Amino acid sequence: PGKEREGVSYISRSGMNTEHADSVKGRFTISRDNAKNTVFLQMNSLKP
């Protein structure tokens, strides 16, 4: 709310290359299951 859109996590087609914003690094993990046509974002140690 009241803020601009922010990139959080990115993943390549293969899933081998990923990157996370500094604000979530070490807490969030992006992954994908291409066979299930689904991408995930695991978010741990969440903050307000």
All heavy atoms as atom14 arrays in JSON, in Angstrom:
{
  "sequence": "PGKEREGVSYISRSGMNTEHADSVKGRFTISRDNAKNTVFLQMNSLKP",
  "atom14_mask": [
    [1, 1, 1, 1, 1, 1, 1, 0, 0, 0, 0, 0, 0, 0],
    [1, 1, 1, 1, 0, 0, 0, 0, 0, 0, 0, 0, 0, 0],
    [1, 1, 1, 1, 1, 1, 1, 1, 1, 0, 0, 0, 0, 0],
    [1, 1, 1, 1, 1, 1, 1, 1, 1, 0, 0, 0, 0, 0],
    [1, 1, 1, 1, 1, 1, 1, 1, 1, 1, 1, 0, 0, 0],
    [1, 1, 1, 1, 1, 1, 1, 1, 1, 0, 0, 0, 0, 0],
    [1, 1, 1, 1, 0, 0, 0, 0, 0, 0, 0, 0, 0, 0],
    [1, 1, 1, 1, 1, 1, 1, 0, 0, 0, 0, 0, 0, 0],
    [1, 1, 1, 1, 1, 1, 0, 0, 0, 0, 0, 0, 0, 0],
    [1, 1, 1, 1, 1, 1, 1, 1, 1, 1, 1, 1, 0, 0],
    [1, 1, 1, 1, 1, 1, 1, 1, 0, 0, 0, 0, 0, 0],
    [1, 1, 1, 1, 1, 1, 0, 0, 0, 0, 0, 0, 0, 0],
    [1, 1, 1, 1, 1, 1, 1, 1, 1, 1, 1, 0, 0, 0],
    [1, 1, 1, 1, 1, 1, 0, 0, 0, 0, 0, 0, 0, 0],
    [1, 1, 1, 1, 0, 0, 0, 0, 0, 0, 0, 0, 0, 0],
    [1, 1, 1, 1, 1, 1, 1, 1, 0, 0, 0, 0, 0, 0],
    [1, 1, 1, 1, 1, 1, 1, 1, 0, 0, 0, 0, 0, 0],
    [1, 1, 1, 1, 1, 1, 1, 0, 0, 0, 0, 0, 0, 0],
    [1, 1, 1, 1, 1, 1, 1, 1, 1, 0, 0, 0, 0, 0],
    [1, 1, 1, 1, 1, 1, 1, 1, 1, 1, 0, 0, 0, 0],
    [1, 1, 1, 1, 1, 0, 0, 0, 0, 0, 0, 0, 0, 0],
    [1, 1, 1, 1, 1, 1, 1, 1, 0, 0, 0, 0, 0, 0],
    [1, 1, 1, 1, 1, 1, 0, 0, 0, 0, 0, 0, 0, 0],
    [1, 1, 1, 1, 1, 1, 1, 0, 0, 0, 0, 0, 0, 0],
    [1, 1, 1, 1, 1, 1, 1, 1, 1, 0, 0, 0, 0, 0],
    [1, 1, 1, 1, 0, 0, 0, 0, 0, 0, 0, 0, 0, 0],
    [1, 1, 1, 1, 1, 1, 1, 1, 1, 1, 1, 0, 0, 0],
    [1, 1, 1, 1, 1, 1, 1, 1, 1, 1, 1, 0, 0, 0],
    [1, 1, 1, 1, 1, 1, 1, 0, 0, 0, 0, 0, 0, 0],
    [1, 1, 1, 1, 1, 1, 1, 1, 0, 0, 0, 0, 0, 0],
    [1, 1, 1, 1, 1, 1, 0, 0, 0, 0, 0, 0, 0, 0],
    [1, 1, 1, 1, 1, 1, 1, 1, 1, 1, 1, 0, 0, 0],
    [1, 1, 1, 1, 1, 1, 1, 1, 0, 0, 0, 0, 0, 0],
    [1, 1, 1, 1, 1, 1, 1, 1, 0, 0, 0, 0, 0, 0],
    [1, 1, 1, 1, 1, 0, 0, 0, 0, 0, 0, 0, 0, 0],
    [1, 1, 1, 1, 1, 1, 1, 1, 1, 0, 0, 0, 0, 0],
    [1, 1, 1, 1, 1, 1, 1, 1, 0, 0, 0, 0, 0, 0],
    [1, 1, 1, 1, 1, 1, 1, 0, 0, 0, 0, 0, 0, 0],
    [1, 1, 1, 1, 1, 1, 1, 0, 0, 0, 0, 0, 0, 0],
    [1, 1, 1, 1, 1, 1, 1, 1, 1, 1, 1, 0, 0, 0],
    [1, 1, 1, 1, 1, 1, 1, 1, 0, 0, 0, 0, 0, 0],
    [1, 1, 1, 1, 1, 1, 1, 1, 1, 0, 0, 0, 0, 0],
    [1, 1, 1, 1, 1, 1, 1, 1, 0, 0, 0, 0, 0, 0],
    [1, 1, 1, 1, 1, 1, 1, 1, 0, 0, 0, 0, 0, 0],
    [1, 1, 1, 1, 1, 1, 0, 0, 0, 0, 0, 0, 0, 0],
    [1, 1, 1, 1, 1, 1, 1, 1, 0, 0, 0, 0, 0, 0],
    [1, 1, 1, 1, 1, 1, 1, 1, 1, 0, 0, 0, 0, 0],
    [1, 1, 1, 1, 1, 1, 1, 0, 0, 0, 0, 0, 0, 0]
  ],
  "atom14_positions": [
    [[0.83, -1.21, 0.0], [0.0, 0.0, 0.0], [0.86, 1.26, 0.0], [1.78, 1.4, 0.81], [-0.8, -0.13, 1.3], [-0.85, -1.58, 1.58], [0.47, -2.13, 1.09], [0.0, 0.0, 0.0], [0.0, 0.0, 0.0], [0.0, 0.0, 0.0], [0.0, 0.0, 0.0], [0.0, 0.0, 0.0], [0.0, 0.0, 0.0], [0.0, 0.0, 0.0]],
    [[0.58, 2.14, -0.95], [1.29, 3.4, -1.01], [2.7, 3.32, -1.57], [3.42, 4.32, -1.57], [0.0, 0.0, 0.0], [0.0, 0.0, 0.0], [0.0, 0.0, 0.0], [0.0, 0.0, 0.0], [0.0, 0.0, 0.0], [0.0, 0.0, 0.0], [0.0, 0.0, 0.0], [0.0, 0.0, 0.0], [0.0, 0.0, 0.0], [0.0, 0.0, 0.0]],
    [[3.07, 2.16, -2.07], [4.43, 1.99, -2.59], [4.39, 1.53, -4.04], [3.38, 1.03, -4.53], [5.21, 0.99, -1.74], [5.46, 1.45, -0.32], [6.37, 0.49, 0.41], [6.67, 0.98, 1.82], [7.58, 0.04, 2.54], [0.0, 0.0, 0.0], [0.0, 0.0, 0.0], [0.0, 0.0, 0.0], [0.0, 0.0, 0.0], [0.0, 0.0, 0.0]],
    [[5.51, 1.68, -4.71], [5.61, 1.22, -6.09], [5.81, -0.3, -6.13], [6.25, -0.91, -5.16], [6.78, 1.92, -6.79], [6.57, 3.41, -6.96], [7.63, 4.04, -7.82], [8.58, 3.35, -8.22], [7.51, 5.26, -8.1], [0.0, 0.0, 0.0], [0.0, 0.0, 0.0], [0.0, 0.0, 0.0], [0.0, 0.0, 0.0], [0.0, 0.0, 0.0]],
    [[5.48, -0.84, -7.28], [5.7, -2.27, -7.48], [7.18, -2.61, -7.36], [8.04, -1.87, -7.84], [5.17, -2.68, -8.85], [5.29, -4.13, -9.19], [4.55, -4.45, -10.46], [4.87, -3.52, -11.53], [4.18, -3.42, -12.66], [3.14, -4.2, -12.87], [4.55, -2.55, -13.58], [0.0, 0.0, 0.0], [0.0, 0.0, 0.0], [0.0, 0.0, 0.0]],
    [[7.45, -3.72, -6.74], [8.83, -4.12, -6.45], [9.07, -5.54, -6.94], [8.24, -6.43, -6.7], [9.07, -4.06, -4.93], [10.4, -4.6, -4.48], [10.5, -4.74, -2.97], [9.45, -4.76, -2.31], [11.62, -4.84, -2.46], [0.0, 0.0, 0.0], [0.0, 0.0, 0.0], [0.0, 0.0, 0.0], [0.0, 0.0, 0.0], [0.0, 0.0, 0.0]],
    [[10.19, -5.75, -7.61], [10.56, -7.1, -8.01], [11.07, -7.86, -6.81], [11.87, -7.34, -6.04], [0.0, 0.0, 0.0], [0.0, 0.0, 0.0], [0.0, 0.0, 0.0], [0.0, 0.0, 0.0], [0.0, 0.0, 0.0], [0.0, 0.0, 0.0], [0.0, 0.0, 0.0], [0.0, 0.0, 0.0], [0.0, 0.0, 0.0], [0.0, 0.0, 0.0]],
    [[10.6, -9.09, -6.65], [10.95, -9.9, -5.48], [11.91, -11.02, -5.86], [12.98, -11.15, -5.27], [9.68, -10.48, -4.83], [10.03, -11.39, -3.66], [8.76, -9.36, -4.38], [0.0, 0.0, 0.0], [0.0, 0.0, 0.0], [0.0, 0.0, 0.0], [0.0, 0.0, 0.0], [0.0, 0.0, 0.0], [0.0, 0.0, 0.0], [0.0, 0.0, 0.0]],
    [[11.49, -11.85, -6.81], [12.29, -13.03, -7.15], [12.11, -13.34, -8.62], [11.04, -13.1, -9.19], [11.85, -14.24, -6.31], [12.02, -14.0, -4.94], [0.0, 0.0, 0.0], [0.0, 0.0, 0.0], [0.0, 0.0, 0.0], [0.0, 0.0, 0.0], [0.0, 0.0, 0.0], [0.0, 0.0, 0.0], [0.0, 0.0, 0.0], [0.0, 0.0, 0.0]],
    [[13.16, -13.94, -9.19], [13.18, -14.22, -10.63], [13.74, -15.62, -10.86], [14.62, -16.07, -10.13], [14.07, -13.21, -11.36], [13.89, -11.79, -10.89], [14.7, -11.28, -9.89], [12.91, -10.97, -11.43], [14.54, -9.98, -9.44], [12.73, -9.67, -10.99], [13.57, -9.18, -9.98], [13.39, -7.89, -9.54], [0.0, 0.0, 0.0], [0.0, 0.0, 0.0]],
    [[13.23, -16.27, -11.92], [13.72, -17.61, -12.22], [13.74, -17.81, -13.73], [12.84, -17.38, -14.45], [12.85, -18.68, -11.51], [13.48, -20.06, -11.62], [11.42, -18.68, -12.04], [12.88, -21.06, -10.65], [0.0, 0.0, 0.0], [0.0, 0.0, 0.0], [0.0, 0.0, 0.0], [0.0, 0.0, 0.0], [0.0, 0.0, 0.0], [0.0, 0.0, 0.0]],
    [[14.78, -18.47, -14.2], [14.93, -18.72, -15.62], [14.05, -19.88, -16.06], [13.44, -20.57, -15.23], [16.4, -19.05, -15.94], [16.78, -20.22, -15.25], [0.0, 0.0, 0.0], [0.0, 0.0, 0.0], [0.0, 0.0, 0.0], [0.0, 0.0, 0.0], [0.0, 0.0, 0.0], [0.0, 0.0, 0.0], [0.0, 0.0, 0.0], [0.0, 0.0, 0.0]],
    [[14.01, -20.1, -17.35], [13.18, -21.18, -17.9], [13.51, -22.52, -17.28], [12.62, -23.32, -16.96], [13.39, -21.27, -19.42], [12.72, -20.2, -20.23], [13.07, -20.34, -21.7], [12.78, -21.67, -22.21], [13.06, -22.06, -23.45], [13.66, -21.21, -24.29], [12.77, -23.27, -23.87], [0.0, 0.0, 0.0], [0.0, 0.0, 0.0], [0.0, 0.0, 0.0]],
    [[14.78, -22.77, -17.14], [15.22, -24.08, -16.63], [15.06, -24.21, -15.13], [15.03, -25.33, -14.61], [16.68, -24.29, -17.0], [17.49, -23.35, -16.3], [0.0, 0.0, 0.0], [0.0, 0.0, 0.0], [0.0, 0.0, 0.0], [0.0, 0.0, 0.0], [0.0, 0.0, 0.0], [0.0, 0.0, 0.0], [0.0, 0.0, 0.0], [0.0, 0.0, 0.0]],
    [[15.0, -23.07, -14.46], [14.98, -23.1, -13.0], [16.37, -23.1, -12.39], [16.5, -23.0, -11.17], [0.0, 0.0, 0.0], [0.0, 0.0, 0.0], [0.0, 0.0, 0.0], [0.0, 0.0, 0.0], [0.0, 0.0, 0.0], [0.0, 0.0, 0.0], [0.0, 0.0, 0.0], [0.0, 0.0, 0.0], [0.0, 0.0, 0.0], [0.0, 0.0, 0.0]],
    [[17.39, -23.18, -13.23], [18.76, -23.27, -12.7], [19.27, -21.91, -12.23], [20.16, -21.83, -11.39], [19.68, -23.82, -13.79], [19.38, -25.26, -14.14], [19.64, -26.38, -12.76], [21.41, -26.27, -12.58], [0.0, 0.0, 0.0], [0.0, 0.0, 0.0], [0.0, 0.0, 0.0], [0.0, 0.0, 0.0], [0.0, 0.0, 0.0], [0.0, 0.0, 0.0]],
    [[18.74, -20.84, -12.79], [19.18, -19.49, -12.42], [18.05, -18.74, -11.73], [16.94, -18.66, -12.26], [19.62, -18.73, -13.66], [20.86, -19.35, -14.28], [21.78, -19.76, -13.58], [20.89, -19.44, -15.59], [0.0, 0.0, 0.0], [0.0, 0.0, 0.0], [0.0, 0.0, 0.0], [0.0, 0.0, 0.0], [0.0, 0.0, 0.0], [0.0, 0.0, 0.0]],
    [[18.37, -18.24, -10.55], [17.4, -17.48, -9.77], [18.07, -16.27, -9.15], [19.3, -16.21, -9.04], [16.77, -18.32, -8.64], [17.81, -18.7, -7.71], [16.11, -19.58, -9.17], [0.0, 0.0, 0.0], [0.0, 0.0, 0.0], [0.0, 0.0, 0.0], [0.0, 0.0, 0.0], [0.0, 0.0, 0.0], [0.0, 0.0, 0.0], [0.0, 0.0, 0.0]],
    [[17.24, -15.33, -8.76], [17.75, -14.15, -8.06], [16.64, -13.61, -7.16], [15.46, -13.71, -7.51], [18.19, -13.07, -9.05], [18.84, -11.86, -8.38], [19.38, -10.88, -9.39], [20.42, -11.17, -9.99], [18.73, -9.82, -9.58], [0.0, 0.0, 0.0], [0.0, 0.0, 0.0], [0.0, 0.0, 0.0], [0.0, 0.0, 0.0], [0.0, 0.0, 0.0]],
    [[17.07, -13.07, -6.03], [16.1, -12.51, -5.1], [16.51, -11.08, -4.75], [17.7, -10.77, -4.66], [16.02, -13.35, -3.83], [15.62, -14.77, -4.09], [14.33, -15.17, -4.2], [16.37, -15.88, -4.29], [14.27, -16.47, -4.44], [15.51, -16.92, -4.51], [0.0, 0.0, 0.0], [0.0, 0.0, 0.0], [0.0, 0.0, 0.0], [0.0, 0.0, 0.0]],
    [[15.53, -10.24, -4.52], [15.8, -8.88, -4.08], [16.52, -8.92, -2.73], [16.32, -9.84, -1.94], [14.51, -8.09, -3.97], [0.0, 0.0, 0.0], [0.0, 0.0, 0.0], [0.0, 0.0, 0.0], [0.0, 0.0, 0.0], [0.0, 0.0, 0.0], [0.0, 0.0, 0.0], [0.0, 0.0, 0.0], [0.0, 0.0, 0.0], [0.0, 0.0, 0.0]],
    [[17.33, -7.91, -2.49], [18.08, -7.86, -1.22], [17.15, -7.91, -0.02], [17.49, -8.48, 1.02], [18.92, -6.59, -1.18], [20.11, -6.64, -2.12], [20.47, -7.75, -2.58], [20.67, -5.58, -2.43], [0.0, 0.0, 0.0], [0.0, 0.0, 0.0], [0.0, 0.0, 0.0], [0.0, 0.0, 0.0], [0.0, 0.0, 0.0], [0.0, 0.0, 0.0]],
    [[15.96, -7.34, -0.16], [15.03, -7.26, 0.96], [14.49, -8.63, 1.37], [13.98, -8.77, 2.49], [13.86, -6.34, 0.6], [13.21, -6.79, -0.58], [0.0, 0.0, 0.0], [0.0, 0.0, 0.0], [0.0, 0.0, 0.0], [0.0, 0.0, 0.0], [0.0, 0.0, 0.0], [0.0, 0.0, 0.0], [0.0, 0.0, 0.0], [0.0, 0.0, 0.0]],
    [[14.6, -9.62, 0.5], [14.05, -10.94, 0.82], [15.11, -12.04, 0.74], [14.82, -13.21, 1.04], [12.88, -11.31, -0.12], [11.81, -10.22, -0.08], [13.35, -11.56, -1.54], [0.0, 0.0, 0.0], [0.0, 0.0, 0.0], [0.0, 0.0, 0.0], [0.0, 0.0, 0.0], [0.0, 0.0, 0.0], [0.0, 0.0, 0.0], [0.0, 0.0, 0.0]],
    [[16.32, -11.68, 0.39], [17.37, -12.68, 0.22], [17.6, -13.43, 1.52], [17.68, -12.84, 2.6], [18.65, -11.98, -0.24], [19.68, -12.88, -0.88], [20.77, -12.07, -1.54], [20.26, -11.28, -2.73], [21.34, -10.52, -3.42], [0.0, 0.0, 0.0], [0.0, 0.0, 0.0], [0.0, 0.0, 0.0], [0.0, 0.0, 0.0], [0.0, 0.0, 0.0]],
    [[17.7, -14.74, 1.41], [17.89, -15.57, 2.58], [16.59, -15.98, 3.26], [16.6, -16.86, 4.13], [0.0, 0.0, 0.0], [0.0, 0.0, 0.0], [0.0, 0.0, 0.0], [0.0, 0.0, 0.0], [0.0, 0.0, 0.0], [0.0, 0.0, 0.0], [0.0, 0.0, 0.0], [0.0, 0.0, 0.0], [0.0, 0.0, 0.0], [0.0, 0.0, 0.0]],
    [[15.49, -15.34, 2.86], [14.19, -15.67, 3.46], [13.22, -16.26, 2.44], [12.39, -17.11, 2.79], [13.56, -14.42, 4.09], [14.39, -13.78, 5.16], [13.65, -12.64, 5.85], [13.33, -11.55, 4.94], [12.09, -11.13, 4.68], [11.06, -11.72, 5.26], [11.89, -10.12, 3.85], [0.0, 0.0, 0.0], [0.0, 0.0, 0.0], [0.0, 0.0, 0.0]],
    [[13.3, -15.81, 1.2], [12.4, -16.26, 0.14], [13.17, -17.16, -0.83], [14.35, -16.94, -1.1], [11.83, -15.08, -0.64], [10.84, -14.23, 0.09], [10.67, -14.34, 1.47], [10.06, -13.31, -0.6], [9.75, -13.55, 2.14], [9.14, -12.51, 0.05], [8.99, -12.63, 1.43], [0.0, 0.0, 0.0], [0.0, 0.0, 0.0], [0.0, 0.0, 0.0]],
    [[12.45, -18.13, -1.38], [13.03, -19.01, -2.4], [12.03, -19.21, -3.52], [10.88, -19.62, -3.27], [13.4, -20.38, -1.81], [14.32, -20.2, -0.73], [14.04, -21.27, -2.87], [0.0, 0.0, 0.0], [0.0, 0.0, 0.0], [0.0, 0.0, 0.0], [0.0, 0.0, 0.0], [0.0, 0.0, 0.0], [0.0, 0.0, 0.0], [0.0, 0.0, 0.0]],
    [[12.46, -18.94, -4.73], [11.61, -19.18, -5.9], [12.01, -20.51, -6.52], [13.19, -20.87, -6.56], [11.74, -18.03, -6.92], [10.7, -18.19, -8.04], [13.15, -17.92, -7.48], [10.63, -16.97, -8.97], [0.0, 0.0, 0.0], [0.0, 0.0, 0.0], [0.0, 0.0, 0.0], [0.0, 0.0, 0.0], [0.0, 0.0, 0.0], [0.0, 0.0, 0.0]],
    [[11.02, -21.25, -6.98], [11.28, -22.52, -7.64], [10.16, -22.78, -8.66], [9.16, -22.06, -8.67], [11.35, -23.67, -6.62], [10.1, -23.82, -5.96], [0.0, 0.0, 0.0], [0.0, 0.0, 0.0], [0.0, 0.0, 0.0], [0.0, 0.0, 0.0], [0.0, 0.0, 0.0], [0.0, 0.0, 0.0], [0.0, 0.0, 0.0], [0.0, 0.0, 0.0]],
    [[10.35, -23.79, -9.46], [9.34, -24.1, -10.46], [9.27, -25.59, -10.71], [10.27, -26.3, -10.59], [9.6, -23.34, -11.76], [10.89, -23.7, -12.47], [11.2, -22.7, -13.58], [10.18, -22.7, -14.61], [10.02, -21.71, -15.48], [10.8, -20.63, -15.44], [9.08, -21.79, -16.42], [0.0, 0.0, 0.0], [0.0, 0.0, 0.0], [0.0, 0.0, 0.0]],
    [[8.07, -26.02, -11.09], [7.85, -27.4, -11.51], [7.22, -27.32, -12.89], [6.0, -27.16, -13.02], [6.93, -28.12, -10.51], [6.76, -29.59, -10.83], [6.99, -29.99, -11.99], [6.38, -30.34, -9.92], [0.0, 0.0, 0.0], [0.0, 0.0, 0.0], [0.0, 0.0, 0.0], [0.0, 0.0, 0.0], [0.0, 0.0, 0.0], [0.0, 0.0, 0.0]],
    [[8.04, -27.39, -13.91], [7.54, -27.21, -15.27], [6.56, -28.3, -15.67], [5.65, -28.06, -16.46], [8.71, -27.14, -16.26], [9.44, -25.81, -16.18], [8.9, -24.79, -15.75], [10.71, -25.82, -16.58], [0.0, 0.0, 0.0], [0.0, 0.0, 0.0], [0.0, 0.0, 0.0], [0.0, 0.0, 0.0], [0.0, 0.0, 0.0], [0.0, 0.0, 0.0]],
    [[6.75, -29.49, -15.12], [5.83, -30.58, -15.45], [4.42, -30.3, -14.95], [3.43, -30.76, -15.54], [6.34, -31.88, -14.86], [0.0, 0.0, 0.0], [0.0, 0.0, 0.0], [0.0, 0.0, 0.0], [0.0, 0.0, 0.0], [0.0, 0.0, 0.0], [0.0, 0.0, 0.0], [0.0, 0.0, 0.0], [0.0, 0.0, 0.0], [0.0, 0.0, 0.0]],
    [[4.33, -29.52, -13.88], [3.03, -29.16, -13.31], [2.61, -27.75, -13.67], [1.6, -27.24, -13.16], [3.06, -29.33, -11.79], [3.27, -30.77, -11.34], [3.23, -30.88, -9.82], [3.39, -32.33, -9.38], [3.36, -32.48, -7.9], [0.0, 0.0, 0.0], [0.0, 0.0, 0.0], [0.0, 0.0, 0.0], [0.0, 0.0, 0.0], [0.0, 0.0, 0.0]],
    [[3.42, -27.1, -14.51], [3.1, -25.72, -14.95], [2.87, -24.79, -13.76], [1.94, -23.96, -13.77], [1.88, -25.71, -15.87], [2.18, -26.34, -17.21], [3.27, -26.18, -17.76], [1.22, -27.08, -17.74], [0.0, 0.0, 0.0], [0.0, 0.0, 0.0], [0.0, 0.0, 0.0], [0.0, 0.0, 0.0], [0.0, 0.0, 0.0], [0.0, 0.0, 0.0]],
    [[3.73, -24.9, -12.77], [3.54, -24.12, -11.55], [4.88, -23.56, -11.07], [5.91, -24.25, -11.15], [2.92, -24.97, -10.44], [1.68, -25.53, -10.91], [2.62, -24.13, -9.2], [0.0, 0.0, 0.0], [0.0, 0.0, 0.0], [0.0, 0.0, 0.0], [0.0, 0.0, 0.0], [0.0, 0.0, 0.0], [0.0, 0.0, 0.0], [0.0, 0.0, 0.0]],
    [[4.83, -22.34, -10.59], [5.99, -21.69, -9.98], [5.63, -21.38, -8.53], [4.48, -21.04, -8.23], [6.37, -20.42, -10.74], [7.54, -19.71, -10.07], [6.72, -20.75, -12.19], [0.0, 0.0, 0.0], [0.0, 0.0, 0.0], [0.0, 0.0, 0.0], [0.0, 0.0, 0.0], [0.0, 0.0, 0.0], [0.0, 0.0, 0.0], [0.0, 0.0, 0.0]],
    [[6.62, -21.49, -7.66], [6.39, -21.32, -6.24], [7.25, -20.19, -5.68], [8.32, -19.89, -6.2], [6.71, -22.61, -5.49], [5.97, -23.8, -5.99], [6.57, -24.68, -6.88], [4.67, -24.05, -5.59], [5.88, -25.8, -7.36], [3.98, -25.16, -6.06], [4.59, -26.03, -6.94], [0.0, 0.0, 0.0], [0.0, 0.0, 0.0], [0.0, 0.0, 0.0]],
    [[6.76, -19.62, -4.58], [7.57, -18.68, -3.81], [7.42, -19.07, -2.35], [6.35, -18.86, -1.75], [7.12, -17.24, -4.03], [7.99, -16.2, -3.33], [9.4, -16.18, -3.95], [7.37, -14.8, -3.42], [0.0, 0.0, 0.0], [0.0, 0.0, 0.0], [0.0, 0.0, 0.0], [0.0, 0.0, 0.0], [0.0, 0.0, 0.0], [0.0, 0.0, 0.0]],
    [[8.46, -19.67, -1.81], [8.48, -20.04, -0.4], [8.96, -18.84, 0.38], [10.07, -18.34, 0.14], [9.4, -21.24, -0.17], [9.5, -21.65, 1.29], [8.2, -22.19, 1.84], [7.53, -22.98, 1.19], [7.85, -21.78, 3.05], [0.0, 0.0, 0.0], [0.0, 0.0, 0.0], [0.0, 0.0, 0.0], [0.0, 0.0, 0.0], [0.0, 0.0, 0.0]],
    [[8.16, -18.39, 1.32], [8.47, -17.19, 2.09], [8.58, -17.57, 3.56], [7.58, -17.99, 4.16], [7.39, -16.13, 1.88], [7.12, -15.8, 0.42], [6.0, -14.41, 0.2], [4.52, -15.06, 0.95], [0.0, 0.0, 0.0], [0.0, 0.0, 0.0], [0.0, 0.0, 0.0], [0.0, 0.0, 0.0], [0.0, 0.0, 0.0], [0.0, 0.0, 0.0]],
    [[9.76, -17.42, 4.11], [10.0, -17.73, 5.51], [10.4, -16.47, 6.27], [10.75, -15.46, 5.66], [11.12, -18.77, 5.63], [10.77, -20.08, 4.97], [9.61, -20.49, 4.92], [11.78, -20.76, 4.42], [0.0, 0.0, 0.0], [0.0, 0.0, 0.0], [0.0, 0.0, 0.0], [0.0, 0.0, 0.0], [0.0, 0.0, 0.0], [0.0, 0.0, 0.0]],
    [[10.34, -16.55, 7.58], [10.72, -15.42, 8.44], [10.07, -14.13, 7.98], [10.73, -13.09, 7.83], [12.25, -15.27, 8.44], [12.87, -16.46, 8.88], [0.0, 0.0, 0.0], [0.0, 0.0, 0.0], [0.0, 0.0, 0.0], [0.0, 0.0, 0.0], [0.0, 0.0, 0.0], [0.0, 0.0, 0.0], [0.0, 0.0, 0.0], [0.0, 0.0, 0.0]],
    [[8.78, -14.2, 7.77], [8.07, -13.05, 7.23], [8.05, -11.88, 8.2], [8.03, -12.07, 9.43], [6.64, -13.45, 6.87], [6.53, -14.24, 5.55], [5.21, -14.99, 5.46], [6.7, -13.31, 4.36], [0.0, 0.0, 0.0], [0.0, 0.0, 0.0], [0.0, 0.0, 0.0], [0.0, 0.0, 0.0], [0.0, 0.0, 0.0], [0.0, 0.0, 0.0]],
    [[8.09, -10.69, 7.62], [8.12, -9.45, 8.39], [6.92, -8.59, 7.99], [6.39, -8.74, 6.88], [9.4, -8.68, 8.07], [10.67, -9.45, 8.29], [11.88, -8.64, 7.83], [13.18, -9.39, 8.03], [14.36, -8.6, 7.59], [0.0, 0.0, 0.0], [0.0, 0.0, 0.0], [0.0, 0.0, 0.0], [0.0, 0.0, 0.0], [0.0, 0.0, 0.0]],
    [[6.51, -7.68, 8.82], [5.39, -6.79, 8.46], [5.64, -6.05, 7.15], [4.68, -5.8, 6.4], [5.32, -5.82, 9.65], [5.83, -6.62, 10.8], [6.92, -7.48, 10.22], [0.0, 0.0, 0.0], [0.0, 0.0, 0.0], [0.0, 0.0, 0.0], [0.0, 0.0, 0.0], [0.0, 0.0, 0.0], [0.0, 0.0, 0.0], [0.0, 0.0, 0.0]]
  ]
}
